[in-house]
């Protein structure tokens, strides 16, 4: 969990300059998205899936499997694969 927090902080630091680059054109955002955000999204899917599987013994009795699956697996998947290139980076 600590590694995930560090990964999220690095991601935020890198993309904190994106609004300043918005005037340079959409192509710069697409390049950043393609080279950095999508690979980090893939890593997030792997980490989220692992955490989801580890959390199953705790989420099954509390009947929160659906919400845990959405936050840990579905949301990172949608961010990585279903989002338009260069849009909604944060």
C-alpha atoms as a PDB file:
ATOM      1  CA  UNK A   1       0.000   0.000   0.000  1.00  0.00           C
ATOM      2  CA  UNK A   2       2.921   2.289   0.736  1.00  0.00           C
ATOM      3  CA  UNK A   3       4.366   1.679  -2.740  1.00  0.00           C
ATOM      4  CA  UNK A   4       1.024   2.610  -4.279  1.00  0.00           C
ATOM      5  CA  UNK A   5       0.983   5.870  -2.325  1.00  0.00           C
ATOM      6  CA  UNK A   6       4.514   6.667  -3.506  1.00  0.00           C
ATOM      7  CA  UNK A   7       3.555   5.840  -7.093  1.00  0.00           C
ATOM      8  CA  UNK A   8       0.529   8.141  -6.885  1.00  0.00           C
ATOM      9  CA  UNK A   9       2.657  10.966  -5.458  1.00  0.00           C
ATOM     10  CA  UNK A  10       5.220  10.600  -8.263  1.00  0.00           C
ATOM     11  CA  UNK A  11       2.405  10.581 -10.792  1.00  0.00           C
ATOM     12  CA  UNK A  12       0.950  13.793  -9.315  1.00  0.00           C
ATOM     13  CA  UNK A  13       4.335  15.546  -9.260  1.00  0.00           C
ATOM     14  CA  UNK A  14       5.001  14.681 -12.888  1.00  0.00           C
ATOM     15  CA  UNK A  15       1.580  15.753 -14.101  1.00  0.00           C
ATOM     16  CA  UNK A  16       1.384  18.925 -12.023  1.00  0.00           C
ATOM     17  CA  UNK A  17       3.011  20.753 -14.965  1.00  0.00           C
ATOM     18  CA  UNK A  18       0.374  19.604 -17.471  1.00  0.00           C
ATOM     19  CA  UNK A  19      -1.859  22.714 -17.101  1.00  0.00           C
ATOM     20  CA  UNK A  20       1.158  24.929 -17.807  1.00  0.00           C
ATOM     21  CA  UNK A  21       1.820  22.957 -20.986  1.00  0.00           C
ATOM     22  CA  UNK A  22      -1.806  23.125 -22.150  1.00  0.00           C
ATOM     23  CA  UNK A  23      -1.090  26.255 -24.196  1.00  0.00           C
ATOM     24  CA  UNK A  24       1.513  24.391 -26.225  1.00  0.00           C
ATOM     25  CA  UNK A  25      -1.149  22.285 -27.892  1.00  0.00           C
ATOM     26  CA  UNK A  26      -2.989  19.070 -27.434  1.00  0.00           C
ATOM     27  CA  UNK A  27      -0.243  17.018 -29.100  1.00  0.00           C
ATOM     28  CA  UNK A  28       2.011  17.521 -26.055  1.00  0.00           C
ATOM     29  CA  UNK A  29      -0.697  16.158 -23.789  1.00  0.00           C
ATOM     30  CA  UNK A  30      -1.137  13.160 -26.042  1.00  0.00           C
ATOM     31  CA  UNK A  31       2.591  12.435 -25.940  1.00  0.00           C
ATOM     32  CA  UNK A  32       2.682  12.646 -22.123  1.00  0.00           C
ATOM     33  CA  UNK A  33      -0.406  10.490 -21.917  1.00  0.00           C
ATOM     34  CA  UNK A  34       0.951   7.849 -24.269  1.00  0.00           C
ATOM     35  CA  UNK A  35       4.463   7.654 -22.848  1.00  0.00           C
ATOM     36  CA  UNK A  36       3.773   8.093 -19.154  1.00  0.00           C
ATOM     37  CA  UNK A  37       0.134   7.940 -18.040  1.00  0.00           C
ATOM     38  CA  UNK A  38      -0.850   4.769 -19.894  1.00  0.00           C
ATOM     39  CA  UNK A  39       2.111   2.679 -18.662  1.00  0.00           C
ATOM     40  CA  UNK A  40       1.502   3.925 -15.111  1.00  0.00           C
ATOM     41  CA  UNK A  41      -2.150   2.966 -15.594  1.00  0.00           C
ATOM     42  CA  UNK A  42      -1.092  -0.560 -16.539  1.00  0.00           C
ATOM     43  CA  UNK A  43       0.984  -0.775 -13.375  1.00  0.00           C
ATOM     44  CA  UNK A  44      -2.008   0.538 -11.420  1.00  0.00           C
ATOM     45  CA  UNK A  45      -4.217  -2.202 -12.866  1.00  0.00           C
ATOM     46  CA  UNK A  46      -1.728  -4.853 -11.731  1.00  0.00           C
ATOM     47  CA  UNK A  47      -1.359  -3.403  -8.250  1.00  0.00           C
ATOM     48  CA  UNK A  48      -5.106  -2.828  -7.888  1.00  0.00           C
ATOM     49  CA  UNK A  49      -5.911  -6.378  -8.975  1.00  0.00           C
ATOM     50  CA  UNK A  50      -3.385  -7.782  -6.500  1.00  0.00           C
ATOM     51  CA  UNK A  51      -4.772  -5.693  -3.650  1.00  0.00           C
ATOM     52  CA  UNK A  52      -8.319  -6.672  -4.650  1.00  0.00           C
ATOM     53  CA  UNK A  53      -7.452 -10.383  -4.501  1.00  0.00           C
ATOM     54  CA  UNK A  54      -5.749  -9.947  -1.131  1.00  0.00           C
ATOM     55  CA  UNK A  55      -8.773  -8.034   0.194  1.00  0.00           C
ATOM     56  CA  UNK A  56     -11.322 -10.678  -0.848  1.00  0.00           C
ATOM     57  CA  UNK A  57     -11.353 -12.481   2.528  1.00  0.00           C
ATOM     58  CA  UNK A  58     -12.301  -9.160   4.134  1.00  0.00           C
ATOM     59  CA  UNK A  59     -14.711  -7.846   1.513  1.00  0.00           C
ATOM     60  CA  UNK A  60     -16.723 -11.056   1.087  1.00  0.00           C
ATOM     61  CA  UNK A  61     -18.177 -11.102   4.627  1.00  0.00           C
ATOM     62  CA  UNK A  62     -18.917  -7.371   4.531  1.00  0.00           C
ATOM     63  CA  UNK A  63     -20.509  -7.656   1.073  1.00  0.00           C
ATOM     64  CA  UNK A  64     -18.332  -4.863  -0.329  1.00  0.00           C
ATOM     65  CA  UNK A  65     -16.717  -6.866  -3.134  1.00  0.00           C
ATOM     66  CA  UNK A  66     -18.459  -4.831  -5.827  1.00  0.00           C
ATOM     67  CA  UNK A  67     -17.291  -1.439  -4.538  1.00  0.00           C
ATOM     68  CA  UNK A  68     -13.758  -2.709  -3.888  1.00  0.00           C
ATOM     69  CA  UNK A  69     -13.607  -4.196  -7.390  1.00  0.00           C
ATOM     70  CA  UNK A  70     -14.777  -0.934  -8.931  1.00  0.00           C
ATOM     71  CA  UNK A  71     -12.191   1.203  -7.122  1.00  0.00           C
ATOM     72  CA  UNK A  72      -9.262  -1.209  -7.387  1.00  0.00           C
ATOM     73  CA  UNK A  73      -9.769  -2.813 -10.823  1.00  0.00           C
ATOM     74  CA  UNK A  74     -12.490  -1.196 -12.948  1.00  0.00           C
ATOM     75  CA  UNK A  75     -11.527   2.468 -12.409  1.00  0.00           C
ATOM     76  CA  UNK A  76      -7.827   1.930 -13.294  1.00  0.00           C
ATOM     77  CA  UNK A  77      -8.897  -0.143 -16.320  1.00  0.00           C
ATOM     78  CA  UNK A  78     -11.226   2.609 -17.553  1.00  0.00           C
ATOM     79  CA  UNK A  79      -8.526   5.246 -16.984  1.00  0.00           C
ATOM     80  CA  UNK A  80      -5.981   3.256 -18.967  1.00  0.00           C
ATOM     81  CA  UNK A  81      -8.021   1.846 -21.837  1.00  0.00           C
ATOM     82  CA  UNK A  82     -11.347   3.666 -22.238  1.00  0.00           C
ATOM     83  CA  UNK A  83     -10.279   7.297 -21.794  1.00  0.00           C
ATOM     84  CA  UNK A  84      -9.553   9.380 -24.901  1.00  0.00           C
ATOM     85  CA  UNK A  85      -5.867   9.970 -25.479  1.00  0.00           C
ATOM     86  CA  UNK A  86      -4.753  13.223 -23.828  1.00  0.00           C
ATOM     87  CA  UNK A  87      -7.981  13.799 -21.861  1.00  0.00           C
ATOM     88  CA  UNK A  88      -8.540  13.801 -18.095  1.00  0.00           C
ATOM     89  CA  UNK A  89      -4.977  13.026 -17.118  1.00  0.00           C
ATOM     90  CA  UNK A  90      -5.567  13.606 -13.407  1.00  0.00           C
END
